[in-house]
Amino acid sequence: MSKDRNTDRLDGRKPALIIALTTVLWLALQWVGKQQGWSAQVALIGDLAALAAYIYALALVWRIWRRGSGK
């Protein structure tokens, strides 16, 4: 395996981990919020934080994709 492909593979793990952890934490926050009776504003803060994490992961994937398409 070439060095570039190995680097891309390793760099791809970070966005995958961010997406997986964000989803699990977001679901847990929604569940806890429902159990505790939190307001919609608190849920919105969690939603916006999850959205920010997803956008960051998308930016990382886009950077890897652009690096690969320049070859």
N, C-alpha and C. Protein backbone atom coordinates (compact mmCIF):
# COMPACT_ATOMS: atom_id res chain seq x y z
N MET A 1 0.85 -1.16 0.00
CA MET A 1 0.00 0.00 0.00
C MET A 1 0.90 1.24 0.00
N SER A 2 0.58 2.20 -0.83
CA SER A 2 1.41 3.38 -0.92
C SER A 2 1.26 4.24 0.34
N LYS A 3 2.24 5.09 0.53
CA LYS A 3 2.24 5.94 1.71
C LYS A 3 1.03 6.89 1.70
N ASP A 4 0.68 7.44 0.52
CA ASP A 4 -0.44 8.37 0.43
C ASP A 4 -1.77 7.70 0.77
N ARG A 5 -1.97 6.48 0.26
CA ARG A 5 -3.22 5.78 0.56
C ARG A 5 -3.31 5.41 2.03
N ASN A 6 -2.17 5.05 2.61
CA ASN A 6 -2.16 4.72 4.03
C ASN A 6 -2.47 5.95 4.87
N THR A 7 -1.92 7.10 4.48
CA THR A 7 -2.21 8.35 5.18
C THR A 7 -3.68 8.70 5.05
N ASP A 8 -4.25 8.56 3.84
CA ASP A 8 -5.67 8.84 3.65
C ASP A 8 -6.54 7.93 4.51
N ARG A 9 -6.15 6.68 4.58
CA ARG A 9 -6.92 5.72 5.39
C ARG A 9 -6.88 6.10 6.86
N LEU A 10 -5.71 6.47 7.34
CA LEU A 10 -5.59 6.87 8.75
C LEU A 10 -6.30 8.18 9.02
N ASP A 11 -6.20 9.13 8.08
CA ASP A 11 -6.90 10.41 8.24
C ASP A 11 -8.41 10.24 8.17
N GLY A 12 -8.88 9.23 7.49
CA GLY A 12 -10.31 8.98 7.38
C GLY A 12 -10.93 8.46 8.66
N ARG A 13 -10.11 7.96 9.55
CA ARG A 13 -10.64 7.45 10.82
C ARG A 13 -11.15 8.57 11.72
N LYS A 14 -10.51 9.72 11.65
CA LYS A 14 -10.92 10.83 12.52
C LYS A 14 -12.35 11.28 12.24
N PRO A 15 -12.71 11.58 10.97
CA PRO A 15 -14.11 11.97 10.75
C PRO A 15 -15.09 10.85 11.07
N ALA A 16 -14.70 9.61 10.84
CA ALA A 16 -15.60 8.50 11.16
C ALA A 16 -15.85 8.43 12.66
N LEU A 17 -14.81 8.63 13.44
CA LEU A 17 -14.95 8.62 14.89
C LEU A 17 -15.78 9.81 15.37
N ILE A 18 -15.56 10.97 14.77
CA ILE A 18 -16.34 12.16 15.14
C ILE A 18 -17.82 11.94 14.86
N ILE A 19 -18.14 11.39 13.71
CA ILE A 19 -19.54 11.15 13.34
C ILE A 19 -20.18 10.14 14.29
N ALA A 20 -19.47 9.05 14.56
CA ALA A 20 -20.03 8.02 15.44
C ALA A 20 -20.24 8.54 16.86
N LEU A 21 -19.24 9.20 17.42
CA LEU A 21 -19.37 9.71 18.79
C LEU A 21 -20.42 10.82 18.89
N THR A 22 -20.47 11.67 17.88
CA THR A 22 -21.48 12.73 17.89
C THR A 22 -22.88 12.14 17.89
N THR A 23 -23.10 11.13 17.07
CA THR A 23 -24.42 10.52 17.00
C THR A 23 -24.81 9.88 18.33
N VAL A 24 -23.88 9.15 18.92
CA VAL A 24 -24.18 8.50 20.20
C VAL A 24 -24.45 9.54 21.29
N LEU A 25 -23.60 10.57 21.36
CA LEU A 25 -23.80 11.61 22.37
C LEU A 25 -25.08 12.40 22.15
N TRP A 26 -25.40 12.67 20.89
CA TRP A 26 -26.62 13.40 20.59
C TRP A 26 -27.86 12.59 21.00
N LEU A 27 -27.85 11.30 20.67
CA LEU A 27 -28.97 10.45 21.07
C LEU A 27 -29.10 10.36 22.58
N ALA A 28 -27.97 10.25 23.27
CA ALA A 28 -28.00 10.20 24.73
C ALA A 28 -28.52 11.50 25.31
N LEU A 29 -28.11 12.62 24.74
CA LEU A 29 -28.60 13.92 25.21
C LEU A 29 -30.10 14.05 25.01
N GLN A 30 -30.59 13.58 23.88
CA GLN A 30 -32.03 13.64 23.63
C GLN A 30 -32.80 12.77 24.63
N TRP A 31 -32.27 11.61 24.92
CA TRP A 31 -32.94 10.70 25.85
C TRP A 31 -32.95 11.28 27.26
N VAL A 32 -31.77 11.77 27.71
CA VAL A 32 -31.68 12.34 29.05
C VAL A 32 -32.57 13.58 29.15
N GLY A 33 -32.56 14.39 28.12
CA GLY A 33 -33.39 15.59 28.13
C GLY A 33 -34.86 15.27 28.25
N LYS A 34 -35.29 14.22 27.57
CA LYS A 34 -36.70 13.81 27.66
C LYS A 34 -37.02 13.28 29.06
N GLN A 35 -36.09 12.51 29.63
CA GLN A 35 -36.31 11.95 30.96
C GLN A 35 -36.35 13.04 32.03
N GLN A 36 -35.52 14.06 31.87
CA GLN A 36 -35.41 15.12 32.87
C GLN A 36 -36.39 16.27 32.62
N GLY A 37 -37.04 16.26 31.48
CA GLY A 37 -38.00 17.31 31.16
C GLY A 37 -37.34 18.63 30.78
N TRP A 38 -36.18 18.56 30.14
CA TRP A 38 -35.48 19.78 29.73
C TRP A 38 -36.29 20.52 28.67
N SER A 39 -36.08 21.80 28.59
CA SER A 39 -36.82 22.63 27.63
C SER A 39 -36.29 22.44 26.21
N ALA A 40 -37.05 22.95 25.27
CA ALA A 40 -36.66 22.84 23.86
C ALA A 40 -35.39 23.65 23.58
N GLN A 41 -35.14 24.71 24.33
CA GLN A 41 -33.94 25.50 24.13
C GLN A 41 -32.68 24.70 24.44
N VAL A 42 -32.73 23.89 25.47
CA VAL A 42 -31.58 23.04 25.81
C VAL A 42 -31.37 22.01 24.71
N ALA A 43 -32.43 21.44 24.21
CA ALA A 43 -32.33 20.47 23.11
C ALA A 43 -31.76 21.13 21.87
N LEU A 44 -32.13 22.37 21.62
CA LEU A 44 -31.61 23.10 20.47
C LEU A 44 -30.11 23.30 20.57
N ILE A 45 -29.61 23.58 21.75
CA ILE A 45 -28.17 23.74 21.95
C ILE A 45 -27.45 22.44 21.61
N GLY A 46 -27.99 21.32 22.05
CA GLY A 46 -27.40 20.02 21.71
C GLY A 46 -27.46 19.74 20.22
N ASP A 47 -28.57 20.11 19.59
CA ASP A 47 -28.71 19.92 18.15
C ASP A 47 -27.69 20.74 17.38
N LEU A 48 -27.50 21.99 17.79
CA LEU A 48 -26.54 22.86 17.11
C LEU A 48 -25.10 22.38 17.31
N ALA A 49 -24.80 21.87 18.50
CA ALA A 49 -23.47 21.33 18.75
C ALA A 49 -23.22 20.10 17.87
N ALA A 50 -24.22 19.24 17.75
CA ALA A 50 -24.08 18.07 16.89
C ALA A 50 -23.93 18.48 15.43
N LEU A 51 -24.69 19.47 15.01
CA LEU A 51 -24.58 19.96 13.64
C LEU A 51 -23.18 20.51 13.36
N ALA A 52 -22.61 21.23 14.31
CA ALA A 52 -21.26 21.76 14.15
C ALA A 52 -20.24 20.63 14.02
N ALA A 53 -20.41 19.58 14.80
CA ALA A 53 -19.49 18.44 14.72
C ALA A 53 -19.62 17.73 13.37
N TYR A 54 -20.84 17.59 12.86
CA TYR A 54 -21.04 16.97 11.56
C TYR A 54 -20.42 17.81 10.44
N ILE A 55 -20.55 19.13 10.54
CA ILE A 55 -19.96 20.00 9.52
C ILE A 55 -18.43 19.91 9.58
N TYR A 56 -17.87 19.85 10.76
CA TYR A 56 -16.42 19.69 10.90
C TYR A 56 -15.96 18.37 10.28
N ALA A 57 -16.68 17.29 10.55
CA ALA A 57 -16.32 16.00 9.96
C ALA A 57 -16.43 16.05 8.44
N LEU A 58 -17.46 16.72 7.93
CA LEU A 58 -17.60 16.86 6.48
C LEU A 58 -16.43 17.63 5.89
N ALA A 59 -15.98 18.67 6.58
CA ALA A 59 -14.83 19.43 6.11
C ALA A 59 -13.57 18.56 6.08
N LEU A 60 -13.40 17.70 7.06
CA LEU A 60 -12.24 16.79 7.07
C LEU A 60 -12.31 15.82 5.90
N VAL A 61 -13.49 15.27 5.65
CA VAL A 61 -13.65 14.33 4.53
C VAL A 61 -13.41 15.04 3.21
N TRP A 62 -13.91 16.26 3.09
CA TRP A 62 -13.72 17.03 1.87
C TRP A 62 -12.25 17.30 1.62
N ARG A 63 -11.50 17.60 2.68
CA ARG A 63 -10.06 17.85 2.55
C ARG A 63 -9.33 16.59 2.07
N ILE A 64 -9.70 15.44 2.60
CA ILE A 64 -9.08 14.18 2.17
C ILE A 64 -9.43 13.91 0.71
N TRP A 65 -10.68 14.14 0.34
CA TRP A 65 -11.12 13.91 -1.03
C TRP A 65 -10.37 14.83 -2.01
N ARG A 66 -10.24 16.10 -1.66
CA ARG A 66 -9.54 17.06 -2.52
C ARG A 66 -8.07 16.70 -2.66
N ARG A 67 -7.45 16.25 -1.59
CA ARG A 67 -6.06 15.83 -1.64
C ARG A 67 -5.87 14.66 -2.59
N GLY A 68 -6.84 13.75 -2.59
CA GLY A 68 -6.76 12.58 -3.47
C GLY A 68 -7.07 12.89 -4.91
N SER A 69 -7.93 13.88 -5.18
CA SER A 69 -8.30 14.17 -6.56
C SER A 69 -7.24 14.98 -7.28
N GLY A 70 -6.26 15.51 -6.57
CA GLY A 70 -5.19 16.28 -7.20
C GLY A 70 -4.09 15.42 -7.80
N LYS A 71 -4.19 14.11 -7.66
CA LYS A 71 -3.14 13.21 -8.14
C LYS A 71 -3.28 12.95 -9.61
